[in-house]
Amino acid sequence: MSYGLALIYGVLKIINLANAGILMLGAYMTWWMWDAFHLDPLLAPLIVIPLFFVFGVVMERLIVRRVLDQEPIVSLLLLFGVWLILQNVAYVIWTGDTRAIETPFVDATVKLGAMQLSWARIYVFCAGGITLAGLQLFLTRTHLGRAIRAVAQDREAAKLTGVDVERVNAVAFGIGIALAAFAGSLLSLLFSFNPDFGGTLQLKSFCVVVLGGLDSFVGVAFGAVALSLAEAFGLRYMAASLQNLISFVVLVVVLIAFPKGIAGLLRSMRRG
């Protein structure tokens, strides 16, 4: 989810608040295909990712493109409205009942020394790592990926060199939406969910992106690890209900101390 936020912000320079609704829909789609068609939830991303990529491209062309040149608050409110619409559509279709996916794989565990780990959590962790590697290869080794990086660095210069900026915007937004839906599909293996699912996770995604740096996927990955470790160790000394407090304290500290995140801090240290 954080990768998607970082990609969309880097290219289109907008904050996609609709990602929370997309994540929620990704979880519901995975559950629905498992419940109605008995599709293995591990295979659901093969359908969820391309489906939501197309949805993201259409959404960019019909809605987002109209507000790119407006004040930032316009796109912020627009995408917040989209999130609310998606949330209420989910209430209409699936009601407010809590859903969960229960399969032998989801319930299976493995013992590593003194630790008892869930196979589902290992799978989600590995999927995040593979996604990071795939994004890095795509952005650095393909013509379209280099075009996306060029637009993110300087839109006008990219346009002068012949890059189809509108096409790049649509593809980048589609990938960002697909990543959010993929995150929802993965998280449906770990948590129960309802139409409100995604709000808190989106706030944590903002923390991860700010902590890692808005212009670096590797930084975002390190930000996610750093935040998770801070929460895990913090819970040893405070109540579990205060877990979100850790994320927001980290966010405030990072914004004050090094607003460009881990990636920006490392670049500054190398220059120094």
C-alpha atoms as a PDB file:
ATOM      1  CA  MET A   1       0.000   0.000   0.000  1.00  0.00           C
ATOM      2  CA  SER A   2       2.854   2.368   0.817  1.00  0.00           C
ATOM      3  CA  TYR A   3       4.552   1.596  -2.500  1.00  0.00           C
ATOM      4  CA  GLY A   4       1.364   2.659  -4.284  1.00  0.00           C
ATOM      5  CA  LEU A   5       1.095   5.888  -2.294  1.00  0.00           C
ATOM      6  CA  ALA A   6       4.732   6.744  -3.011  1.00  0.00           C
ATOM      7  CA  LEU A   7       4.428   5.993  -6.739  1.00  0.00           C
ATOM      8  CA  ILE A   8       1.273   8.049  -7.235  1.00  0.00           C
ATOM      9  CA  TYR A   9       2.639  10.985  -5.262  1.00  0.00           C
ATOM     10  CA  GLY A  10       5.985  10.839  -7.051  1.00  0.00           C
ATOM     11  CA  VAL A  11       4.460  10.957 -10.539  1.00  0.00           C
ATOM     12  CA  LEU A  12       1.167  12.835 -10.163  1.00  0.00           C
ATOM     13  CA  LYS A  13       2.060  14.852  -7.037  1.00  0.00           C
ATOM     14  CA  ILE A  14      -1.253  14.026  -5.351  1.00  0.00           C
ATOM     15  CA  ILE A  15      -2.029  12.177  -2.119  1.00  0.00           C
ATOM     16  CA  ASN A  16      -4.351   9.305  -2.935  1.00  0.00           C
ATOM     17  CA  LEU A  17      -6.748   9.035   0.003  1.00  0.00           C
ATOM     18  CA  ALA A  18      -8.829   6.563  -2.027  1.00  0.00           C
ATOM     19  CA  ASN A  19      -6.158   3.913  -1.402  1.00  0.00           C
ATOM     20  CA  ALA A  20      -7.912   2.907   1.829  1.00  0.00           C
ATOM     21  CA  GLY A  21     -11.103   2.107  -0.076  1.00  0.00           C
ATOM     22  CA  ILE A  22      -9.149   0.222  -2.746  1.00  0.00           C
ATOM     23  CA  LEU A  23      -7.384  -1.843  -0.088  1.00  0.00           C
ATOM     24  CA  MET A  24     -10.753  -2.693   1.441  1.00  0.00           C
ATOM     25  CA  LEU A  25     -12.170  -3.726  -1.952  1.00  0.00           C
ATOM     26  CA  GLY A  26      -9.100  -5.882  -2.608  1.00  0.00           C
ATOM     27  CA  ALA A  27      -9.792  -7.755   0.624  1.00  0.00           C
ATOM     28  CA  TYR A  28     -13.487  -8.182  -0.223  1.00  0.00           C
ATOM     29  CA  MET A  29     -12.729  -9.374  -3.766  1.00  0.00           C
ATOM     30  CA  THR A  30     -10.369 -12.011  -2.401  1.00  0.00           C
ATOM     31  CA  TRP A  31     -12.933 -13.141   0.152  1.00  0.00           C
ATOM     32  CA  TRP A  32     -15.787 -13.154  -2.420  1.00  0.00           C
ATOM     33  CA  MET A  33     -13.837 -15.273  -4.929  1.00  0.00           C
ATOM     34  CA  TRP A  34     -12.942 -17.706  -2.138  1.00  0.00           C
ATOM     35  CA  ASP A  35     -16.474 -17.827  -0.701  1.00  0.00           C
ATOM     36  CA  ALA A  36     -18.462 -17.919  -3.958  1.00  0.00           C
ATOM     37  CA  PHE A  37     -16.111 -19.743  -6.338  1.00  0.00           C
ATOM     38  CA  HIS A  38     -13.773 -21.564  -3.920  1.00  0.00           C
ATOM     39  CA  LEU A  39     -10.739 -19.887  -5.474  1.00  0.00           C
ATOM     40  CA  ASP A  40      -7.613 -20.295  -3.379  1.00  0.00           C
ATOM     41  CA  PRO A  41      -6.900 -16.889  -1.766  1.00  0.00           C
ATOM     42  CA  LEU A  42      -3.238 -17.301  -2.727  1.00  0.00           C
ATOM     43  CA  LEU A  43      -4.279 -17.191  -6.390  1.00  0.00           C
ATOM     44  CA  ALA A  44      -6.675 -14.255  -6.000  1.00  0.00           C
ATOM     45  CA  PRO A  45      -3.960 -11.601  -6.710  1.00  0.00           C
ATOM     46  CA  LEU A  46      -3.688 -12.989 -10.259  1.00  0.00           C
ATOM     47  CA  ILE A  47      -7.191 -11.556 -10.820  1.00  0.00           C
ATOM     48  CA  VAL A  48      -7.182  -8.683  -8.330  1.00  0.00           C
ATOM     49  CA  ILE A  49      -4.021  -6.975  -9.625  1.00  0.00           C
ATOM     50  CA  PRO A  50      -4.942  -6.648 -13.348  1.00  0.00           C
ATOM     51  CA  LEU A  51      -8.581  -5.876 -12.524  1.00  0.00           C
ATOM     52  CA  PHE A  52      -7.693  -2.982 -10.257  1.00  0.00           C
ATOM     53  CA  PHE A  53      -4.953  -1.776 -12.595  1.00  0.00           C
ATOM     54  CA  VAL A  54      -7.608  -1.260 -15.264  1.00  0.00           C
ATOM     55  CA  PHE A  55      -9.875   0.367 -12.664  1.00  0.00           C
ATOM     56  CA  GLY A  56      -7.059   2.744 -11.712  1.00  0.00           C
ATOM     57  CA  VAL A  57      -6.332   3.707 -15.326  1.00  0.00           C
ATOM     58  CA  VAL A  58     -10.027   4.441 -15.944  1.00  0.00           C
ATOM     59  CA  MET A  59     -10.253   6.380 -12.681  1.00  0.00           C
ATOM     60  CA  GLU A  60      -7.257   8.520 -13.639  1.00  0.00           C
ATOM     61  CA  ARG A  61      -8.614   9.299 -17.091  1.00  0.00           C
ATOM     62  CA  LEU A  62     -12.168  10.093 -15.980  1.00  0.00           C
ATOM     63  CA  ILE A  63     -11.661  11.745 -12.594  1.00  0.00           C
ATOM     64  CA  VAL A  64      -8.115  12.458 -11.454  1.00  0.00           C
ATOM     65  CA  ARG A  65      -6.867  14.016 -14.698  1.00  0.00           C
ATOM     66  CA  ARG A  66      -9.434  16.802 -14.380  1.00  0.00           C
ATOM     67  CA  VAL A  67      -7.949  18.083 -11.114  1.00  0.00           C
ATOM     68  CA  LEU A  68      -4.197  17.620 -11.611  1.00  0.00           C
ATOM     69  CA  ASP A  69      -3.674  21.311 -12.323  1.00  0.00           C
ATOM     70  CA  GLN A  70      -5.873  22.468  -9.460  1.00  0.00           C
ATOM     71  CA  GLU A  71      -4.858  23.317  -5.904  1.00  0.00           C
ATOM     72  CA  PRO A  72      -3.735  20.252  -3.886  1.00  0.00           C
ATOM     73  CA  ILE A  73      -6.803  20.476  -1.641  1.00  0.00           C
ATOM     74  CA  VAL A  74      -9.037  19.785  -4.664  1.00  0.00           C
ATOM     75  CA  SER A  75      -7.506  16.385  -5.437  1.00  0.00           C
ATOM     76  CA  LEU A  76      -7.329  15.615  -1.725  1.00  0.00           C
ATOM     77  CA  LEU A  77     -11.057  16.205  -1.244  1.00  0.00           C
ATOM     78  CA  LEU A  78     -11.939  14.443  -4.504  1.00  0.00           C
ATOM     79  CA  LEU A  79     -10.105  11.246  -3.569  1.00  0.00           C
ATOM     80  CA  PHE A  80     -11.436  11.410  -0.018  1.00  0.00           C
ATOM     81  CA  GLY A  81     -14.918  11.489  -1.559  1.00  0.00           C
ATOM     82  CA  VAL A  82     -14.055   8.466  -3.718  1.00  0.00           C
ATOM     83  CA  TRP A  83     -12.974   6.617  -0.576  1.00  0.00           C
ATOM     84  CA  LEU A  84     -16.322   7.372   1.100  1.00  0.00           C
ATOM     85  CA  ILE A  85     -18.224   6.233  -2.007  1.00  0.00           C
ATOM     86  CA  LEU A  86     -16.308   2.934  -2.153  1.00  0.00           C
ATOM     87  CA  GLN A  87     -16.903   2.407   1.550  1.00  0.00           C
ATOM     88  CA  ASN A  88     -20.651   2.904   1.230  1.00  0.00           C
ATOM     89  CA  VAL A  89     -20.830   0.720  -1.891  1.00  0.00           C
ATOM     90  CA  ALA A  90     -19.248  -2.047   0.192  1.00  0.00           C
ATOM     91  CA  TYR A  91     -21.874  -1.518   2.904  1.00  0.00           C
ATOM     92  CA  VAL A  92     -24.622  -1.881   0.288  1.00  0.00           C
ATOM     93  CA  ILE A  93     -23.162  -5.030  -1.303  1.00  0.00           C
ATOM     94  CA  TRP A  94     -21.673  -6.872   1.672  1.00  0.00           C
ATOM     95  CA  THR A  95     -23.368  -5.105   4.638  1.00  0.00           C
ATOM     96  CA  GLY A  96     -21.346  -4.185   7.704  1.00  0.00           C
ATOM     97  CA  ASP A  97     -20.756  -7.765   8.830  1.00  0.00           C
ATOM     98  CA  THR A  98     -17.165  -8.695   9.565  1.00  0.00           C
ATOM     99  CA  ARG A  99     -15.672 -11.174   7.083  1.00  0.00           C
ATOM    100  CA  ALA A 100     -12.664 -13.449   7.391  1.00  0.00           C
ATOM    101  CA  ILE A 101     -10.900 -16.043   5.265  1.00  0.00           C
ATOM    102  CA  GLU A 102     -10.345 -19.362   7.003  1.00  0.00           C
ATOM    103  CA  THR A 103      -8.279 -21.982   5.196  1.00  0.00           C
ATOM    104  CA  PRO A 104      -5.738 -24.569   6.399  1.00  0.00           C
ATOM    105  CA  PHE A 105      -2.925 -22.388   5.043  1.00  0.00           C
ATOM    106  CA  VAL A 106      -4.140 -19.306   6.951  1.00  0.00           C
ATOM    107  CA  ASP A 107      -4.247 -21.282  10.203  1.00  0.00           C
ATOM    108  CA  ALA A 108      -0.951 -23.170   9.664  1.00  0.00           C
ATOM    109  CA  THR A 109       2.147 -22.247  11.647  1.00  0.00           C
ATOM    110  CA  VAL A 110       5.818 -23.182  11.646  1.00  0.00           C
ATOM    111  CA  LYS A 111       8.197 -23.261  14.591  1.00  0.00           C
ATOM    112  CA  LEU A 112      11.556 -21.537  14.147  1.00  0.00           C
ATOM    113  CA  GLY A 113      13.521 -21.970  17.328  1.00  0.00           C
ATOM    114  CA  ALA A 114      11.574 -20.273  20.097  1.00  0.00           C
ATOM    115  CA  MET A 115       9.284 -18.515  17.626  1.00  0.00           C
ATOM    116  CA  GLN A 116       5.941 -19.774  16.340  1.00  0.00           C
ATOM    117  CA  LEU A 117       5.252 -18.059  13.018  1.00  0.00           C
ATOM    118  CA  SER A 118       2.182 -18.109  10.813  1.00  0.00           C
ATOM    119  CA  TRP A 119       2.739 -19.299   7.254  1.00  0.00           C
ATOM    120  CA  ALA A 120       0.351 -16.582   6.087  1.00  0.00           C
ATOM    121  CA  ARG A 121       2.510 -13.861   7.659  1.00  0.00           C
ATOM    122  CA  ILE A 122       5.648 -15.343   6.086  1.00  0.00           C
ATOM    123  CA  TYR A 123       3.866 -15.382   2.729  1.00  0.00           C
ATOM    124  CA  VAL A 124       2.793 -11.735   3.075  1.00  0.00           C
ATOM    125  CA  PHE A 125       6.310 -10.672   4.097  1.00  0.00           C
ATOM    126  CA  CYS A 126       7.851 -12.482   1.101  1.00  0.00           C
ATOM    127  CA  ALA A 127       5.228 -10.987  -1.221  1.00  0.00           C
ATOM    128  CA  GLY A 128       6.221  -7.510  -0.028  1.00  0.00           C
ATOM    129  CA  GLY A 129       9.889  -8.219  -0.734  1.00  0.00           C
ATOM    130  CA  ILE A 130       9.161  -9.633  -4.193  1.00  0.00           C
ATOM    131  CA  THR A 131       6.965  -6.619  -4.984  1.00  0.00           C
ATOM    132  CA  LEU A 132       9.801  -4.267  -4.029  1.00  0.00           C
ATOM    133  CA  ALA A 133      12.277  -6.144  -6.243  1.00  0.00           C
ATOM    134  CA  GLY A 134       9.798  -6.209  -9.130  1.00  0.00           C
ATOM    135  CA  LEU A 135       9.124  -2.475  -8.882  1.00  0.00           C
ATOM    136  CA  GLN A 136      12.831  -1.662  -8.790  1.00  0.00           C
ATOM    137  CA  LEU A 137      13.494  -3.791 -11.879  1.00  0.00           C
ATOM    138  CA  PHE A 138      10.508  -2.299 -13.689  1.00  0.00           C
ATOM    139  CA  LEU A 139      11.510   1.294 -12.950  1.00  0.00           C
ATOM    140  CA  THR A 140      15.186   0.846 -13.792  1.00  0.00           C
ATOM    141  CA  ARG A 141      15.249  -1.749 -16.593  1.00  0.00           C
ATOM    142  CA  THR A 142      12.203  -0.966 -18.763  1.00  0.00           C
ATOM    143  CA  HIS A 143      11.497   1.937 -21.103  1.00  0.00           C
ATOM    144  CA  LEU A 144       8.138   2.637 -19.430  1.00  0.00           C
ATOM    145  CA  GLY A 145       9.719   2.495 -15.983  1.00  0.00           C
ATOM    146  CA  ARG A 146      12.390   5.014 -16.972  1.00  0.00           C
ATOM    147  CA  ALA A 147       9.665   7.233 -18.424  1.00  0.00           C
ATOM    148  CA  ILE A 148       7.840   7.108 -15.082  1.00  0.00           C
ATOM    149  CA  ARG A 149      11.023   8.115 -13.258  1.00  0.00           C
ATOM    150  CA  ALA A 150      11.610  10.940 -15.732  1.00  0.00           C
ATOM    151  CA  VAL A 151       8.118  12.349 -15.216  1.00  0.00           C
ATOM    152  CA  ALA A 152       8.542  12.072 -11.444  1.00  0.00           C
ATOM    153  CA  GLN A 153      11.816  14.045 -11.606  1.00  0.00           C
ATOM    154  CA  ASP A 154      10.783  16.767 -14.080  1.00  0.00           C
ATOM    155  CA  ARG A 155       7.440  16.667 -15.884  1.00  0.00           C
ATOM    156  CA  GLU A 156       8.194  19.476 -18.356  1.00  0.00           C
ATOM    157  CA  ALA A 157      11.633  18.162 -19.283  1.00  0.00           C
ATOM    158  CA  ALA A 158      10.179  14.685 -19.823  1.00  0.00           C
ATOM    159  CA  LYS A 159       7.502  16.139 -22.088  1.00  0.00           C
ATOM    160  CA  LEU A 160      10.146  17.992 -24.146  1.00  0.00           C
ATOM    161  CA  THR A 161      12.047  14.733 -24.717  1.00  0.00           C
ATOM    162  CA  GLY A 162       8.955  13.061 -26.170  1.00  0.00           C
ATOM    163  CA  VAL A 163       7.557  11.229 -23.147  1.00  0.00           C
ATOM    164  CA  ASP A 164       3.759  10.800 -23.277  1.00  0.00           C
ATOM    165  CA  VAL A 165       3.114  12.299 -19.854  1.00  0.00           C
ATOM    166  CA  GLU A 166      -0.630  11.592 -19.856  1.00  0.00           C
ATOM    167  CA  ARG A 167      -0.019   7.908 -20.606  1.00  0.00           C
ATOM    168  CA  VAL A 168       2.625   7.734 -17.871  1.00  0.00           C
ATOM    169  CA  ASN A 169       0.210   9.337 -15.396  1.00  0.00           C
ATOM    170  CA  ALA A 170      -2.476   6.766 -16.202  1.00  0.00           C
ATOM    171  CA  VAL A 171      -0.080   3.815 -15.920  1.00  0.00           C
ATOM    172  CA  ALA A 172       1.463   5.077 -12.666  1.00  0.00           C
ATOM    173  CA  PHE A 173      -1.957   5.646 -11.109  1.00  0.00           C
ATOM    174  CA  GLY A 174      -3.108   2.224 -12.287  1.00  0.00           C
ATOM    175  CA  ILE A 175      -0.063   0.549 -10.746  1.00  0.00           C
ATOM    176  CA  GLY A 176      -0.597   2.444  -7.495  1.00  0.00           C
ATOM    177  CA  ILE A 177      -4.234   1.316  -7.318  1.00  0.00           C
ATOM    178  CA  ALA A 178      -3.258  -2.269  -8.190  1.00  0.00           C
ATOM    179  CA  LEU A 179      -0.676  -2.274  -5.384  1.00  0.00           C
ATOM    180  CA  ALA A 180      -3.263  -1.071  -2.862  1.00  0.00           C
ATOM    181  CA  ALA A 181      -5.686  -3.817  -3.956  1.00  0.00           C
ATOM    182  CA  PHE A 182      -2.854  -6.369  -3.769  1.00  0.00           C
ATOM    183  CA  ALA A 183      -2.158  -5.212  -0.213  1.00  0.00           C
ATOM    184  CA  GLY A 184      -5.829  -5.720   0.659  1.00  0.00           C
ATOM    185  CA  SER A 185      -5.763  -9.200  -0.864  1.00  0.00           C
ATOM    186  CA  LEU A 186      -2.715 -10.097   1.240  1.00  0.00           C
ATOM    187  CA  LEU A 187      -4.046  -8.584   4.453  1.00  0.00           C
ATOM    188  CA  SER A 188      -7.322 -10.509   4.102  1.00  0.00           C
ATOM    189  CA  LEU A 189      -5.238 -13.577   5.001  1.00  0.00           C
ATOM    190  CA  LEU A 190      -4.164 -11.995   8.293  1.00  0.00           C
ATOM    191  CA  PHE A 191      -7.128  -9.976   9.555  1.00  0.00           C
ATOM    192  CA  SER A 192     -10.896  -9.956   9.575  1.00  0.00           C
ATOM    193  CA  PHE A 193     -12.344  -6.940   7.798  1.00  0.00           C
ATOM    194  CA  ASN A 194     -15.455  -4.851   7.127  1.00  0.00           C
ATOM    195  CA  PRO A 195     -16.148  -1.765   4.976  1.00  0.00           C
ATOM    196  CA  ASP A 196     -14.216   0.425   7.453  1.00  0.00           C
ATOM    197  CA  PHE A 197     -11.100  -1.685   6.876  1.00  0.00           C
ATOM    198  CA  GLY A 198      -8.215   0.378   5.548  1.00  0.00           C
ATOM    199  CA  GLY A 199      -8.518   3.711   7.350  1.00  0.00           C
ATOM    200  CA  THR A 200      -5.977   3.027  10.085  1.00  0.00           C
ATOM    201  CA  LEU A 201      -3.728   1.148   7.666  1.00  0.00           C
ATOM    202  CA  GLN A 202      -3.720   4.159   5.352  1.00  0.00           C
ATOM    203  CA  LEU A 203      -2.568   6.410   8.191  1.00  0.00           C
ATOM    204  CA  LYS A 204       0.244   3.962   8.912  1.00  0.00           C
ATOM    205  CA  SER A 205       1.102   3.933   5.205  1.00  0.00           C
ATOM    206  CA  PHE A 206       1.525   7.702   5.334  1.00  0.00           C
ATOM    207  CA  CYS A 207       3.864   7.232   8.297  1.00  0.00           C
ATOM    208  CA  VAL A 208       5.862   4.619   6.362  1.00  0.00           C
ATOM    209  CA  VAL A 209       6.135   6.801   3.261  1.00  0.00           C
ATOM    210  CA  VAL A 210       7.221   9.875   5.229  1.00  0.00           C
ATOM    211  CA  LEU A 211       9.675   7.802   7.283  1.00  0.00           C
ATOM    212  CA  GLY A 212      11.202   6.120   4.237  1.00  0.00           C
ATOM    213  CA  GLY A 213      11.132   9.071   1.854  1.00  0.00           C
ATOM    214  CA  LEU A 214       8.634   9.941  -0.856  1.00  0.00           C
ATOM    215  CA  ASP A 215      11.040   9.302  -3.718  1.00  0.00           C
ATOM    216  CA  SER A 216      12.534   5.917  -2.822  1.00  0.00           C
ATOM    217  CA  PHE A 217      10.853   2.503  -2.789  1.00  0.00           C
ATOM    218  CA  VAL A 218      13.824   1.024  -0.937  1.00  0.00           C
ATOM    219  CA  GLY A 219      13.472   3.814   1.630  1.00  0.00           C
ATOM    220  CA  VAL A 220       9.767   3.007   1.970  1.00  0.00           C
ATOM    221  CA  ALA A 221      10.634  -0.662   2.592  1.00  0.00           C
ATOM    222  CA  PHE A 222      13.133   0.306   5.294  1.00  0.00           C
ATOM    223  CA  GLY A 223      10.564   2.713   6.727  1.00  0.00           C
ATOM    224  CA  ALA A 224       8.044  -0.121   7.001  1.00  0.00           C
ATOM    225  CA  VAL A 225      10.555  -2.336   8.819  1.00  0.00           C
ATOM    226  CA  ALA A 226      11.613   0.497  11.140  1.00  0.00           C
ATOM    227  CA  LEU A 227       8.006   1.347  12.025  1.00  0.00           C
ATOM    228  CA  SER A 228       7.065  -2.281  12.642  1.00  0.00           C
ATOM    229  CA  LEU A 229      10.063  -2.762  14.932  1.00  0.00           C
ATOM    230  CA  ALA A 230       9.207   0.435  16.809  1.00  0.00           C
ATOM    231  CA  GLU A 231       5.657  -0.805  17.344  1.00  0.00           C
ATOM    232  CA  ALA A 232       6.742  -4.324  18.344  1.00  0.00           C
ATOM    233  CA  PHE A 233       9.230  -3.152  20.943  1.00  0.00           C
ATOM    234  CA  GLY A 234       7.010  -0.290  22.068  1.00  0.00           C
ATOM    235  CA  LEU A 235       4.240  -2.726  22.990  1.00  0.00           C
ATOM    236  CA  ARG A 236       6.562  -4.282  25.553  1.00  0.00           C
ATOM    237  CA  TYR A 237       6.246  -1.101  27.590  1.00  0.00           C
ATOM    238  CA  MET A 238       2.731   0.152  26.869  1.00  0.00           C
ATOM    239  CA  ALA A 239      -0.809  -1.121  26.329  1.00  0.00           C
ATOM    240  CA  ALA A 240      -1.715  -2.645  22.971  1.00  0.00           C
ATOM    241  CA  SER A 241      -4.452  -0.036  22.546  1.00  0.00           C
ATOM    242  CA  LEU A 242      -1.695   2.596  22.245  1.00  0.00           C
ATOM    243  CA  GLN A 243      -0.016   0.905  19.264  1.00  0.00           C
ATOM    244  CA  ASN A 244      -1.159   3.583  16.812  1.00  0.00           C
ATOM    245  CA  LEU A 245       0.296   6.255  19.081  1.00  0.00           C
ATOM    246  CA  ILE A 246       3.760   4.939  18.287  1.00  0.00           C
ATOM    247  CA  SER A 247       3.212   5.415  14.546  1.00  0.00           C
ATOM    248  CA  PHE A 248       2.058   8.998  14.909  1.00  0.00           C
ATOM    249  CA  VAL A 249       4.827   9.940  17.346  1.00  0.00           C
ATOM    250  CA  VAL A 250       7.345   8.536  14.855  1.00  0.00           C
ATOM    251  CA  LEU A 251       5.639  10.553  12.086  1.00  0.00           C
ATOM    252  CA  VAL A 252       5.902  13.831  14.028  1.00  0.00           C
ATOM    253  CA  VAL A 253       9.533  13.202  14.999  1.00  0.00           C
ATOM    254  CA  VAL A 254      10.523  12.369  11.417  1.00  0.00           C
ATOM    255  CA  LEU A 255       8.748  15.427   9.985  1.00  0.00           C
ATOM    256  CA  ILE A 256      10.606  17.657  12.444  1.00  0.00           C
ATOM    257  CA  ALA A 257      14.025  15.980  12.454  1.00  0.00           C
ATOM    258  CA  PHE A 258      14.499  14.836   8.827  1.00  0.00           C
ATOM    259  CA  PRO A 259      11.440  15.595   6.657  1.00  0.00           C
ATOM    260  CA  LYS A 260      12.934  13.875   3.592  1.00  0.00           C
ATOM    261  CA  GLY A 261      12.898  10.541   5.398  1.00  0.00           C
ATOM    262  CA  ILE A 262      15.555   7.840   5.690  1.00  0.00           C
ATOM    263  CA  ALA A 263      16.515   8.066   2.007  1.00  0.00           C
ATOM    264  CA  GLY A 264      17.008  11.822   2.200  1.00  0.00           C
ATOM    265  CA  LEU A 265      19.013  11.504   5.421  1.00  0.00           C
ATOM    266  CA  LEU A 266      21.358   8.928   3.849  1.00  0.00           C
ATOM    267  CA  ARG A 267      21.878  11.124   0.762  1.00  0.00           C
ATOM    268  CA  SER A 268      22.722  14.087   3.002  1.00  0.00           C
ATOM    269  CA  MET A 269      25.223  11.970   4.961  1.00  0.00           C
ATOM    270  CA  ARG A 270      26.917  10.818   1.741  1.00  0.00           C
ATOM    271  CA  ARG A 271      27.220  14.397   0.491  1.00  0.00           C
ATOM    272  CA  GLY A 272      28.577  15.446   3.863  1.00  0.00           C
END
